[in-house]
C-alpha atoms as a PDB file:
ATOM      1  CA  MET A   1     -18.188 -11.495 -29.887  1.00  0.00           C
ATOM      2  CA  LYS A   2     -15.227  -9.165 -29.255  1.00  0.00           C
ATOM      3  CA  LYS A   3     -15.678  -9.419 -25.649  1.00  0.00           C
ATOM      4  CA  LEU A   4     -15.661 -13.344 -25.515  1.00  0.00           C
ATOM      5  CA  VAL A   5     -12.714 -13.216 -27.565  1.00  0.00           C
ATOM      6  CA  VAL A   6     -10.910 -10.928 -24.834  1.00  0.00           C
ATOM      7  CA  MET A   7     -12.550 -13.192 -22.124  1.00  0.00           C
ATOM      8  CA  ALA A   8     -10.800 -16.060 -23.834  1.00  0.00           C
ATOM      9  CA  LEU A   9      -7.515 -14.248 -24.261  1.00  0.00           C
ATOM     10  CA  CYS A  10      -6.892 -13.519 -20.378  1.00  0.00           C
ATOM     11  CA  LEU A  11      -8.526 -16.757 -19.367  1.00  0.00           C
ATOM     12  CA  MET A  12      -5.391 -18.400 -21.663  1.00  0.00           C
ATOM     13  CA  SER A  13      -2.760 -16.559 -20.346  1.00  0.00           C
ATOM     14  CA  SER A  14      -0.422 -17.748 -17.591  1.00  0.00           C
ATOM     15  CA  PRO A  15      -0.953 -16.535 -14.035  1.00  0.00           C
ATOM     16  CA  ALA A  16       1.844 -14.512 -12.290  1.00  0.00           C
ATOM     17  CA  TRP A  17       3.570 -16.120  -9.352  1.00  0.00           C
ATOM     18  CA  ALA A  18       4.750 -13.425  -6.852  1.00  0.00           C
ATOM     19  CA  ASP A  19       7.314 -14.717  -4.511  1.00  0.00           C
ATOM     20  CA  PRO A  20       7.947 -12.073  -1.692  1.00  0.00           C
ATOM     21  CA  GLN A  21       9.710 -14.776   0.951  1.00  0.00           C
ATOM     22  CA  SER A  22      12.595 -15.465  -1.980  1.00  0.00           C
ATOM     23  CA  ALA A  23      12.689 -11.611  -2.814  1.00  0.00           C
ATOM     24  CA  VAL A  24      13.242 -10.893   0.985  1.00  0.00           C
ATOM     25  CA  ALA A  25      15.338 -13.974   1.223  1.00  0.00           C
ATOM     26  CA  ALA A  26      17.653 -12.104  -1.506  1.00  0.00           C
ATOM     27  CA  VAL A  27      17.713  -8.795   0.526  1.00  0.00           C
ATOM     28  CA  ARG A  28      18.879 -10.705   3.777  1.00  0.00           C
ATOM     29  CA  ALA A  29      21.797 -12.149   2.022  1.00  0.00           C
ATOM     30  CA  ILE A  30      23.208  -8.940   1.195  1.00  0.00           C
ATOM     31  CA  PRO A  31      26.424  -8.045   3.233  1.00  0.00           C
ATOM     32  CA  GLY A  32      25.526  -5.549   5.799  1.00  0.00           C
ATOM     33  CA  VAL A  33      21.746  -6.182   6.060  1.00  0.00           C
ATOM     34  CA  GLU A  34      20.462  -7.133   9.206  1.00  0.00           C
ATOM     35  CA  THR A  35      17.321  -8.169   8.097  1.00  0.00           C
ATOM     36  CA  ALA A  36      14.358  -7.101   6.038  1.00  0.00           C
ATOM     37  CA  SER A  37      10.864  -7.434   6.066  1.00  0.00           C
ATOM     38  CA  GLU A  38       7.659  -6.789   3.953  1.00  0.00           C
ATOM     39  CA  ASP A  39       4.021  -5.605   4.550  1.00  0.00           C
ATOM     40  CA  ALA A  40       1.124  -6.106   2.589  1.00  0.00           C
ATOM     41  CA  ALA A  41       0.678  -2.713   1.152  1.00  0.00           C
ATOM     42  CA  GLY A  42       4.022  -3.209  -0.817  1.00  0.00           C
ATOM     43  CA  ASN A  43       6.816  -1.942   1.452  1.00  0.00           C
ATOM     44  CA  LEU A  44       9.960  -3.177   1.924  1.00  0.00           C
ATOM     45  CA  PHE A  45      12.005  -2.447   5.214  1.00  0.00           C
ATOM     46  CA  VAL A  46      15.833  -3.082   4.820  1.00  0.00           C
ATOM     47  CA  PHE A  47      17.316  -2.702   8.527  1.00  0.00           C
ATOM     48  CA  VAL A  48      21.027  -1.693   8.399  1.00  0.00           C
ATOM     49  CA  LYS A  49      23.416  -0.284  10.997  1.00  0.00           C
ATOM     50  CA  ASN A  50      23.606   3.419  10.152  1.00  0.00           C
ATOM     51  CA  SER A  51      27.025   4.502   8.252  1.00  0.00           C
ATOM     52  CA  PRO A  52      27.534   7.835   7.832  1.00  0.00           C
ATOM     53  CA  ASN A  53      29.188   7.510   4.250  1.00  0.00           C
ATOM     54  CA  GLY A  54      26.134   5.691   2.983  1.00  0.00           C
ATOM     55  CA  GLN A  55      24.429   6.788  -0.121  1.00  0.00           C
ATOM     56  CA  TRP A  56      21.116   5.009   0.957  1.00  0.00           C
ATOM     57  CA  ASN A  57      18.830   6.295  -1.806  1.00  0.00           C
ATOM     58  CA  ARG A  58      21.061   4.639  -4.132  1.00  0.00           C
ATOM     59  CA  ALA A  59      21.113   1.631  -2.308  1.00  0.00           C
ATOM     60  CA  ALA A  60      17.345   1.597  -1.721  1.00  0.00           C
ATOM     61  CA  ALA A  61      17.137   1.674  -5.806  1.00  0.00           C
ATOM     62  CA  GLY A  62      19.690  -1.017  -5.909  1.00  0.00           C
ATOM     63  CA  PHE A  63      17.012  -3.227  -3.544  1.00  0.00           C
ATOM     64  CA  CYS A  64      14.486  -2.452  -6.163  1.00  0.00           C
ATOM     65  CA  LYS A  65      16.563  -4.242  -9.155  1.00  0.00           C
ATOM     66  CA  LEU A  66      17.324  -7.151  -6.783  1.00  0.00           C
ATOM     67  CA  VAL A  67      13.752  -7.801  -5.974  1.00  0.00           C
ATOM     68  CA  ARG A  68      12.059  -6.882  -9.414  1.00  0.00           C
ATOM     69  CA  PRO A  69      13.112 -10.505 -10.825  1.00  0.00           C
ATOM     70  CA  HIS A  70      10.784 -12.028  -7.679  1.00  0.00           C
ATOM     71  CA  GLU A  71       7.779  -9.956  -9.114  1.00  0.00           C
ATOM     72  CA  ALA A  72       6.906  -9.841  -5.287  1.00  0.00           C
ATOM     73  CA  ARG A  73       4.745  -6.303  -5.480  1.00  0.00           C
ATOM     74  CA  ILE A  74       7.371  -4.657  -3.653  1.00  0.00           C
ATOM     75  CA  PHE A  75       6.607  -0.924  -4.484  1.00  0.00           C
ATOM     76  CA  LEU A  76       8.338   1.017  -2.267  1.00  0.00           C
ATOM     77  CA  VAL A  77      11.920   0.150  -0.241  1.00  0.00           C
ATOM     78  CA  LYS A  78      12.312   2.089   3.134  1.00  0.00           C
ATOM     79  CA  ILE A  79      15.963   1.707   4.250  1.00  0.00           C
ATOM     80  CA  ILE A  80      15.722   1.821   8.450  1.00  0.00           C
ATOM     81  CA  ASP A  81      18.535   2.686  11.384  1.00  0.00           C
ATOM     82  CA  ARG A  82      18.044  -0.456  13.047  1.00  0.00           C
ATOM     83  CA  ASP A  83      18.833   1.531  16.157  1.00  0.00           C
ATOM     84  CA  THR A  84      15.968   3.765  15.817  1.00  0.00           C
ATOM     85  CA  VAL A  85      13.844   0.263  16.255  1.00  0.00           C
ATOM     86  CA  LYS A  86      12.220  -0.156  19.744  1.00  0.00           C
ATOM     87  CA  PRO A  87       9.748  -3.010  20.734  1.00  0.00           C
ATOM     88  CA  LYS A  88       6.470  -2.232  19.797  1.00  0.00           C
ATOM     89  CA  SER A  89       7.227   0.690  18.155  1.00  0.00           C
ATOM     90  CA  LYS A  90       5.219   2.006  14.806  1.00  0.00           C
ATOM     91  CA  PRO A  91       7.188   2.117  11.436  1.00  0.00           C
ATOM     92  CA  THR A  92       6.213   5.675  11.370  1.00  0.00           C
ATOM     93  CA  GLU A  93       8.196   6.039  14.495  1.00  0.00           C
ATOM     94  CA  TRP A  94      11.419   4.306  12.939  1.00  0.00           C
ATOM     95  CA  GLY A  95      14.577   6.272  11.208  1.00  0.00           C
ATOM     96  CA  MET A  96      14.558   6.178   7.842  1.00  0.00           C
ATOM     97  CA  LEU A  97      18.040   6.502   6.127  1.00  0.00           C
ATOM     98  CA  GLY A  98      16.946   6.350   2.278  1.00  0.00           C
ATOM     99  CA  ALA A  99      13.613   5.482   0.372  1.00  0.00           C
ATOM    100  CA  ALA A 100      13.063   4.483  -3.303  1.00  0.00           C
ATOM    101  CA  ASN A 101      10.023   4.192  -5.179  1.00  0.00           C
ATOM    102  CA  CYS A 102      10.459   0.915  -7.414  1.00  0.00           C
ATOM    103  CA  GLY A 103       7.996   2.142  -9.988  1.00  0.00           C
ATOM    104  CA  MET A 104      10.462   4.870 -10.802  1.00  0.00           C
ATOM    105  CA  VAL A 105      13.558   3.104 -11.085  1.00  0.00           C
ATOM    106  CA  PRO A 106      14.936   1.760 -14.458  1.00  0.00           C
END
């Protein structure tokens, strides 16, 4: 009987609507962001022009807070130096300026 009640409650709950497109659009609207993209693994790549006085880890945490209301299943935000991205290069070859784990950002 308990199992039936739990199953009924699960079916009655409203579905979560994740919107990765609006999350990426919100990030792209920030001044200084060249572009942004997300992948199926939950990474959000934010491409910026490198600045020597940039606080990139703090900025990545701010992007985590920005995309949270969109429920887009973004787990990691990685800020990438746009000048290190070459045609056909892999994300592991890009110069990462800062990163934040969105699960750890209050």
